[in-house]
Structures are given as structure tokens and as C-alpha cells.
Amino acid sequence: MSTEKALHARSESKCELCGAAESLGVYEVPPSSNGSADECALTCETCREQIENPEKVDVHHWRCLNDSMWSQVPAVQVMVWRMLTRLSTEGWPQGLLDMLYLDEGTQTWAQATGEGKSDENAVKHVDSNGAVLEAGDTVTLIKDLNVKGANFTAKRGTVVRGISLVADNPEHIEGSVEGRQIVILTKFVKKAN
């Protein structure tokens, strides 16, 4: 029996994560699936796309994990754990994670892709509203700033394009204002949309 047929039989032809019955396909659970039914899950196109493209994740779609977390299939348990971990900052997924039990081998498999590893040592630059800043972003000054050593004032509302981040200080960014490269405190900027 082919892997796909085995997965359809196991899942009653429904996505093993959300229960959808259309656009189903075999998803080989990373990092090293051998293609067998034991290391794959039957998933719909919506789930696959969001698993593979974290920026496209619709948090509300994944409320379905409330049901699929009880699956006895290790490959499904791994994917449920990974998605709940990815979404844990939303609040409700953390409660499900706290209830989810994985045996030691399944837990090791779930963590093998690095999902859930904390980036506590990573320096995060955030603007005055708490939005995370990244190199190349455009920001707007929210306050008149006297630029020391340059004898000018960077006016409130000035747009600074293509900022760079100061690697060892989360409160500093650099940007060009009036043709000069200056250091700006993150608390005085707002990320542009």
C-alpha cells in the first residue's frame, strides 16, 4: 500500500491537523522523513502552506489543534507541538502546550528543527510602540532630536529610510538624516508601515 493510501485510511481522508477534506497531500515531517506513513501526515493545502511559510500563518486557523493534539500518531503530535510552539506568544496555544504529552522520542523529533529554542540572547530593537525593527526598515521620528556634534535638530516627523541596527545595543539604531549618519534612540522612532 502506498504512503498516501495508508494516510488516507488512517485519517479517514481528512487533514490530520485541521480536519479539512479537500486539497489533501502527504507532508513529510522534517528533518529526516523516510517517506513512510509513520513519518508523514496527511495535510490540506492551507496547513502545508502555513507550516512552510511562517509569515502567512493565520493564528485562528490553528485553533483546530485543540482537537488534533489528542492524535496517537507521532508525526501528527510532532506537527501539533511545532505549531503550538510557534504560536505560543498568542496566549491560548500555551495552554494547549501545557496539556500536550509527548514521549521522549517524539519530543526529541519535535525539537529537531529548532522550533521552540529561545532567542533570549538575541538583541531585539523595538520602536516606541513595541514594534520590532529590522535592518532596512523605515522609521519616523516622534520627537525633535538635537544631534550632538552636528549642530542641527532632526525634526519630529522626519522619515529615516534604510536604518541599520546597532548589534550590541537594543536601544540604538543608525540612519541618515540631512545627509549625515547618526545614532538614534529607538524610543524616539515609530516604524513606518
C-alpha atoms as a PDB file:
ATOM      1  CA  MET A   1       0.000   0.000   0.000  1.00  0.00           C
ATOM      2  CA  SER A   2       1.371   3.441  -0.930  1.00  0.00           C
ATOM      3  CA  THR A   3       2.088   6.035   1.770  1.00  0.00           C
ATOM      4  CA  GLU A   4      -0.730   8.250   0.503  1.00  0.00           C
ATOM      5  CA  LYS A   5      -3.263   5.393   0.593  1.00  0.00           C
ATOM      6  CA  ALA A   6      -2.109   4.424   4.092  1.00  0.00           C
ATOM      7  CA  LEU A   7      -2.516   8.026   5.273  1.00  0.00           C
ATOM      8  CA  HIS A   8      -5.994   8.316   3.733  1.00  0.00           C
ATOM      9  CA  ALA A   9      -7.009   5.097   5.501  1.00  0.00           C
ATOM     10  CA  ARG A  10      -5.518   6.252   8.816  1.00  0.00           C
ATOM     11  CA  SER A  11      -7.129   9.718   8.707  1.00  0.00           C
ATOM     12  CA  GLU A  12     -10.421   8.795   7.001  1.00  0.00           C
ATOM     13  CA  SER A  13      -9.379  11.145   4.133  1.00  0.00           C
ATOM     14  CA  LYS A  14      -9.223  14.253   6.327  1.00  0.00           C
ATOM     15  CA  CYS A  15      -6.385  16.634   7.143  1.00  0.00           C
ATOM     16  CA  GLU A  16      -4.795  15.237  10.285  1.00  0.00           C
ATOM     17  CA  LEU A  17      -4.288  18.746  11.635  1.00  0.00           C
ATOM     18  CA  CYS A  18      -7.467  20.683  10.829  1.00  0.00           C
ATOM     19  CA  GLY A  19      -9.932  18.064   9.555  1.00  0.00           C
ATOM     20  CA  ALA A  20     -10.395  19.573   6.064  1.00  0.00           C
ATOM     21  CA  ALA A  21     -11.376  17.097   3.354  1.00  0.00           C
ATOM     22  CA  GLU A  22     -10.068  18.929   0.255  1.00  0.00           C
ATOM     23  CA  SER A  23      -6.628  19.513  -1.318  1.00  0.00           C
ATOM     24  CA  LEU A  24      -5.023  16.763   0.743  1.00  0.00           C
ATOM     25  CA  GLY A  25      -1.427  15.710   0.307  1.00  0.00           C
ATOM     26  CA  VAL A  26       1.404  13.886   2.026  1.00  0.00           C
ATOM     27  CA  TYR A  27       3.539  16.072   4.279  1.00  0.00           C
ATOM     28  CA  GLU A  28       6.867  14.503   5.217  1.00  0.00           C
ATOM     29  CA  VAL A  29       7.622  15.677   8.745  1.00  0.00           C
ATOM     30  CA  PRO A  30      11.168  17.123   8.867  1.00  0.00           C
ATOM     31  CA  PRO A  31      14.012  16.877   9.490  1.00  0.00           C
ATOM     32  CA  SER A  32      14.629  13.368   8.138  1.00  0.00           C
ATOM     33  CA  SER A  33      11.472  11.655   6.997  1.00  0.00           C
ATOM     34  CA  ASN A  34      11.925   8.361   5.172  1.00  0.00           C
ATOM     35  CA  GLY A  35       8.606   8.821   3.366  1.00  0.00           C
ATOM     36  CA  SER A  36       6.819   6.098   5.326  1.00  0.00           C
ATOM     37  CA  ALA A  37       3.329   6.678   6.714  1.00  0.00           C
ATOM     38  CA  ASP A  38       4.788   6.684  10.234  1.00  0.00           C
ATOM     39  CA  GLU A  39       6.906   9.760   9.429  1.00  0.00           C
ATOM     40  CA  CYS A  40       4.293  11.629   7.381  1.00  0.00           C
ATOM     41  CA  ALA A  41       0.977  13.334   7.962  1.00  0.00           C
ATOM     42  CA  LEU A  42      -1.942  13.871   5.595  1.00  0.00           C
ATOM     43  CA  THR A  43      -2.471  17.638   5.461  1.00  0.00           C
ATOM     44  CA  CYS A  44      -4.546  20.093   3.489  1.00  0.00           C
ATOM     45  CA  GLU A  45      -3.004  22.787   1.295  1.00  0.00           C
ATOM     46  CA  THR A  46      -3.860  25.531   3.830  1.00  0.00           C
ATOM     47  CA  CYS A  47      -1.985  23.791   6.646  1.00  0.00           C
ATOM     48  CA  ARG A  48       1.012  22.925   4.437  1.00  0.00           C
ATOM     49  CA  GLU A  49       1.346  26.497   3.169  1.00  0.00           C
ATOM     50  CA  GLN A  50       1.260  27.943   6.677  1.00  0.00           C
ATOM     51  CA  ILE A  51       3.707  25.359   8.033  1.00  0.00           C
ATOM     52  CA  GLU A  52       6.191  26.104   5.272  1.00  0.00           C
ATOM     53  CA  ASN A  53       5.673  29.908   5.254  1.00  0.00           C
ATOM     54  CA  PRO A  54       5.541  31.181   8.856  1.00  0.00           C
ATOM     55  CA  GLU A  55       4.795  34.733   7.669  1.00  0.00           C
ATOM     56  CA  LYS A  56       1.473  33.511   6.215  1.00  0.00           C
ATOM     57  CA  VAL A  57       0.228  31.955   9.458  1.00  0.00           C
ATOM     58  CA  ASP A  58      -3.410  32.656  10.322  1.00  0.00           C
ATOM     59  CA  VAL A  59      -3.494  32.167  14.093  1.00  0.00           C
ATOM     60  CA  HIS A  60      -7.233  31.457  14.126  1.00  0.00           C
ATOM     61  CA  HIS A  61      -6.885  28.595  11.616  1.00  0.00           C
ATOM     62  CA  TRP A  62      -4.762  26.731  14.147  1.00  0.00           C
ATOM     63  CA  ARG A  63      -7.445  26.597  16.826  1.00  0.00           C
ATOM     64  CA  CYS A  64      -8.128  23.210  15.218  1.00  0.00           C
ATOM     65  CA  LEU A  65      -5.107  21.901  17.139  1.00  0.00           C
ATOM     66  CA  ASN A  66      -7.371  21.754  20.180  1.00  0.00           C
ATOM     67  CA  ASP A  67      -8.742  18.534  18.642  1.00  0.00           C
ATOM     68  CA  SER A  68      -5.767  17.153  16.702  1.00  0.00           C
ATOM     69  CA  MET A  69      -3.439  17.399  19.721  1.00  0.00           C
ATOM     70  CA  TRP A  70      -5.045  14.203  21.020  1.00  0.00           C
ATOM     71  CA  SER A  71      -3.890  12.166  17.997  1.00  0.00           C
ATOM     72  CA  GLN A  72      -1.989   8.968  18.800  1.00  0.00           C
ATOM     73  CA  VAL A  73       0.147   9.363  15.639  1.00  0.00           C
ATOM     74  CA  PRO A  74       3.672  10.599  16.480  1.00  0.00           C
ATOM     75  CA  ALA A  75       4.063  12.529  13.179  1.00  0.00           C
ATOM     76  CA  VAL A  76       0.833  14.431  13.911  1.00  0.00           C
ATOM     77  CA  GLN A  77       1.878  15.022  17.527  1.00  0.00           C
ATOM     78  CA  VAL A  78       5.174  16.493  16.291  1.00  0.00           C
ATOM     79  CA  MET A  79       3.428  18.911  13.927  1.00  0.00           C
ATOM     80  CA  VAL A  80       0.891  19.922  16.607  1.00  0.00           C
ATOM     81  CA  TRP A  81       3.730  20.621  19.077  1.00  0.00           C
ATOM     82  CA  ARG A  82       5.685  22.646  16.497  1.00  0.00           C
ATOM     83  CA  MET A  83       2.706  24.807  15.514  1.00  0.00           C
ATOM     84  CA  LEU A  84       1.629  25.396  19.121  1.00  0.00           C
ATOM     85  CA  THR A  85       5.213  26.332  19.987  1.00  0.00           C
ATOM     86  CA  ARG A  86       5.418  28.698  17.009  1.00  0.00           C
ATOM     87  CA  LEU A  87       2.169  30.373  18.114  1.00  0.00           C
ATOM     88  CA  SER A  88       2.760  30.254  21.888  1.00  0.00           C
ATOM     89  CA  THR A  89       3.073  34.053  22.202  1.00  0.00           C
ATOM     90  CA  GLU A  90      -0.629  34.324  21.278  1.00  0.00           C
ATOM     91  CA  GLY A  91      -1.650  33.030  24.701  1.00  0.00           C
ATOM     92  CA  TRP A  92      -4.164  30.260  24.016  1.00  0.00           C
ATOM     93  CA  PRO A  93      -1.605  27.876  22.387  1.00  0.00           C
ATOM     94  CA  GLN A  94       0.463  27.862  25.584  1.00  0.00           C
ATOM     95  CA  GLY A  95      -2.457  26.324  27.471  1.00  0.00           C
ATOM     96  CA  LEU A  96      -2.677  23.512  24.905  1.00  0.00           C
ATOM     97  CA  LEU A  97       1.092  23.001  25.012  1.00  0.00           C
ATOM     98  CA  ASP A  98       0.889  22.600  28.770  1.00  0.00           C
ATOM     99  CA  MET A  99      -1.640  19.754  28.307  1.00  0.00           C
ATOM    100  CA  LEU A 100       0.183  18.061  25.409  1.00  0.00           C
ATOM    101  CA  TYR A 101       2.187  14.978  26.345  1.00  0.00           C
ATOM    102  CA  LEU A 102       4.891  13.632  24.030  1.00  0.00           C
ATOM    103  CA  ASP A 103       7.030  10.617  24.861  1.00  0.00           C
ATOM    104  CA  GLU A 104      10.795  11.241  24.912  1.00  0.00           C
ATOM    105  CA  GLY A 105      11.457  10.090  21.328  1.00  0.00           C
ATOM    106  CA  THR A 106       8.585  12.127  19.899  1.00  0.00           C
ATOM    107  CA  GLN A 107       9.668  15.205  21.885  1.00  0.00           C
ATOM    108  CA  THR A 108      13.212  14.869  20.506  1.00  0.00           C
ATOM    109  CA  TRP A 109      11.807  14.609  16.963  1.00  0.00           C
ATOM    110  CA  ALA A 110       9.582  17.654  17.544  1.00  0.00           C
ATOM    111  CA  GLN A 111      12.527  19.749  18.740  1.00  0.00           C
ATOM    112  CA  ALA A 112      14.909  18.548  15.988  1.00  0.00           C
ATOM    113  CA  THR A 113      14.155  21.520  13.702  1.00  0.00           C
ATOM    114  CA  GLY A 114      14.954  24.073  16.402  1.00  0.00           C
ATOM    115  CA  GLU A 115      11.326  25.103  16.939  1.00  0.00           C
ATOM    116  CA  GLY A 116      10.872  26.341  20.473  1.00  0.00           C
ATOM    117  CA  LYS A 117      14.507  27.203  21.096  1.00  0.00           C
ATOM    118  CA  SER A 118      14.539  30.576  22.818  1.00  0.00           C
ATOM    119  CA  ASP A 119      16.360  33.530  21.344  1.00  0.00           C
ATOM    120  CA  GLU A 120      16.935  35.096  24.753  1.00  0.00           C
ATOM    121  CA  ASN A 121      20.448  36.153  23.780  1.00  0.00           C
ATOM    122  CA  ALA A 122      19.308  37.797  20.551  1.00  0.00           C
ATOM    123  CA  VAL A 123      19.203  41.590  20.691  1.00  0.00           C
ATOM    124  CA  LYS A 124      15.785  42.918  19.672  1.00  0.00           C
ATOM    125  CA  HIS A 125      15.299  46.508  18.620  1.00  0.00           C
ATOM    126  CA  VAL A 126      11.772  47.825  19.215  1.00  0.00           C
ATOM    127  CA  ASP A 127      10.249  51.215  18.412  1.00  0.00           C
ATOM    128  CA  SER A 128       8.238  53.449  20.756  1.00  0.00           C
ATOM    129  CA  ASN A 129       5.130  51.312  20.131  1.00  0.00           C
ATOM    130  CA  GLY A 130       6.859  47.975  20.721  1.00  0.00           C
ATOM    131  CA  ALA A 131       7.092  47.010  17.019  1.00  0.00           C
ATOM    132  CA  VAL A 132      10.230  45.013  16.214  1.00  0.00           C
ATOM    133  CA  LEU A 133      12.666  46.913  13.988  1.00  0.00           C
ATOM    134  CA  GLU A 134      14.797  45.207  11.358  1.00  0.00           C
ATOM    135  CA  ALA A 135      17.714  46.416   9.280  1.00  0.00           C
ATOM    136  CA  GLY A 136      16.463  48.310   6.228  1.00  0.00           C
ATOM    137  CA  ASP A 137      13.193  49.440   7.846  1.00  0.00           C
ATOM    138  CA  THR A 138      11.850  52.958   7.505  1.00  0.00           C
ATOM    139  CA  VAL A 139      11.084  54.885  10.698  1.00  0.00           C
ATOM    140  CA  THR A 140       9.631  58.285  11.570  1.00  0.00           C
ATOM    141  CA  LEU A 141      10.980  60.467  14.374  1.00  0.00           C
ATOM    142  CA  ILE A 142       8.370  61.160  17.056  1.00  0.00           C
ATOM    143  CA  LYS A 143      10.324  63.946  18.757  1.00  0.00           C
ATOM    144  CA  ASP A 144      12.676  66.785  17.775  1.00  0.00           C
ATOM    145  CA  LEU A 145      16.201  65.495  18.384  1.00  0.00           C
ATOM    146  CA  ASN A 146      19.262  67.702  18.902  1.00  0.00           C
ATOM    147  CA  VAL A 147      22.090  65.966  17.045  1.00  0.00           C
ATOM    148  CA  LYS A 148      25.241  66.298  19.118  1.00  0.00           C
ATOM    149  CA  GLY A 149      28.349  67.315  17.204  1.00  0.00           C
ATOM    150  CA  ALA A 150      26.419  68.122  14.029  1.00  0.00           C
ATOM    151  CA  ASN A 151      24.773  71.381  15.154  1.00  0.00           C
ATOM    152  CA  PHE A 152      21.300  70.672  13.810  1.00  0.00           C
ATOM    153  CA  THR A 153      17.966  69.394  15.044  1.00  0.00           C
ATOM    154  CA  ALA A 154      16.304  66.376  13.436  1.00  0.00           C
ATOM    155  CA  LYS A 155      12.672  67.446  13.375  1.00  0.00           C
ATOM    156  CA  ARG A 156       9.708  65.404  14.539  1.00  0.00           C
ATOM    157  CA  GLY A 157       8.090  63.656  11.547  1.00  0.00           C
ATOM    158  CA  THR A 158      11.404  63.211   9.700  1.00  0.00           C
ATOM    159  CA  VAL A 159      11.418  59.927   7.794  1.00  0.00           C
ATOM    160  CA  VAL A 160      14.585  57.850   8.104  1.00  0.00           C
ATOM    161  CA  ARG A 161      14.882  55.164   5.428  1.00  0.00           C
ATOM    162  CA  GLY A 162      17.081  52.077   5.429  1.00  0.00           C
ATOM    163  CA  ILE A 163      18.054  52.044   9.084  1.00  0.00           C
ATOM    164  CA  SER A 164      20.789  49.803  10.411  1.00  0.00           C
ATOM    165  CA  LEU A 165      20.757  48.175  13.838  1.00  0.00           C
ATOM    166  CA  VAL A 166      23.490  48.598  16.430  1.00  0.00           C
ATOM    167  CA  ALA A 167      24.288  44.955  17.120  1.00  0.00           C
ATOM    168  CA  ASP A 168      25.168  45.152  20.809  1.00  0.00           C
ATOM    169  CA  ASN A 169      22.652  47.804  21.928  1.00  0.00           C
ATOM    170  CA  PRO A 170      18.896  47.260  21.535  1.00  0.00           C
ATOM    171  CA  GLU A 171      18.192  50.954  22.223  1.00  0.00           C
ATOM    172  CA  HIS A 172      20.266  52.306  19.305  1.00  0.00           C
ATOM    173  CA  ILE A 173      19.739  52.341  15.551  1.00  0.00           C
ATOM    174  CA  GLU A 174      21.610  54.274  12.876  1.00  0.00           C
ATOM    175  CA  GLY A 175      20.175  56.216   9.987  1.00  0.00           C
ATOM    176  CA  SER A 176      20.845  59.075   7.628  1.00  0.00           C
ATOM    177  CA  VAL A 177      19.269  62.448   8.471  1.00  0.00           C
ATOM    178  CA  GLU A 178      20.093  65.517   6.373  1.00  0.00           C
ATOM    179  CA  GLY A 179      22.887  63.585   4.675  1.00  0.00           C
ATOM    180  CA  ARG A 180      24.574  62.603   7.928  1.00  0.00           C
ATOM    181  CA  GLN A 181      24.726  59.174   9.528  1.00  0.00           C
ATOM    182  CA  ILE A 182      23.510  59.491  13.132  1.00  0.00           C
ATOM    183  CA  VAL A 183      22.675  57.226  16.061  1.00  0.00           C
ATOM    184  CA  ILE A 184      19.030  57.412  17.116  1.00  0.00           C
ATOM    185  CA  LEU A 185      17.412  56.038  20.268  1.00  0.00           C
ATOM    186  CA  THR A 186      14.682  53.517  19.408  1.00  0.00           C
ATOM    187  CA  LYS A 187      12.294  55.104  21.927  1.00  0.00           C
ATOM    188  CA  PHE A 188      12.139  58.214  19.697  1.00  0.00           C
ATOM    189  CA  VAL A 189      11.078  56.437  16.490  1.00  0.00           C
ATOM    190  CA  LYS A 190       7.942  54.828  15.103  1.00  0.00           C
ATOM    191  CA  LYS A 191       8.170  52.112  12.473  1.00  0.00           C
ATOM    192  CA  ALA A 192       6.579  53.140   9.164  1.00  0.00           C
ATOM    193  CA  ASN A 193       4.001  50.779   7.621  1.00  0.00           C
END
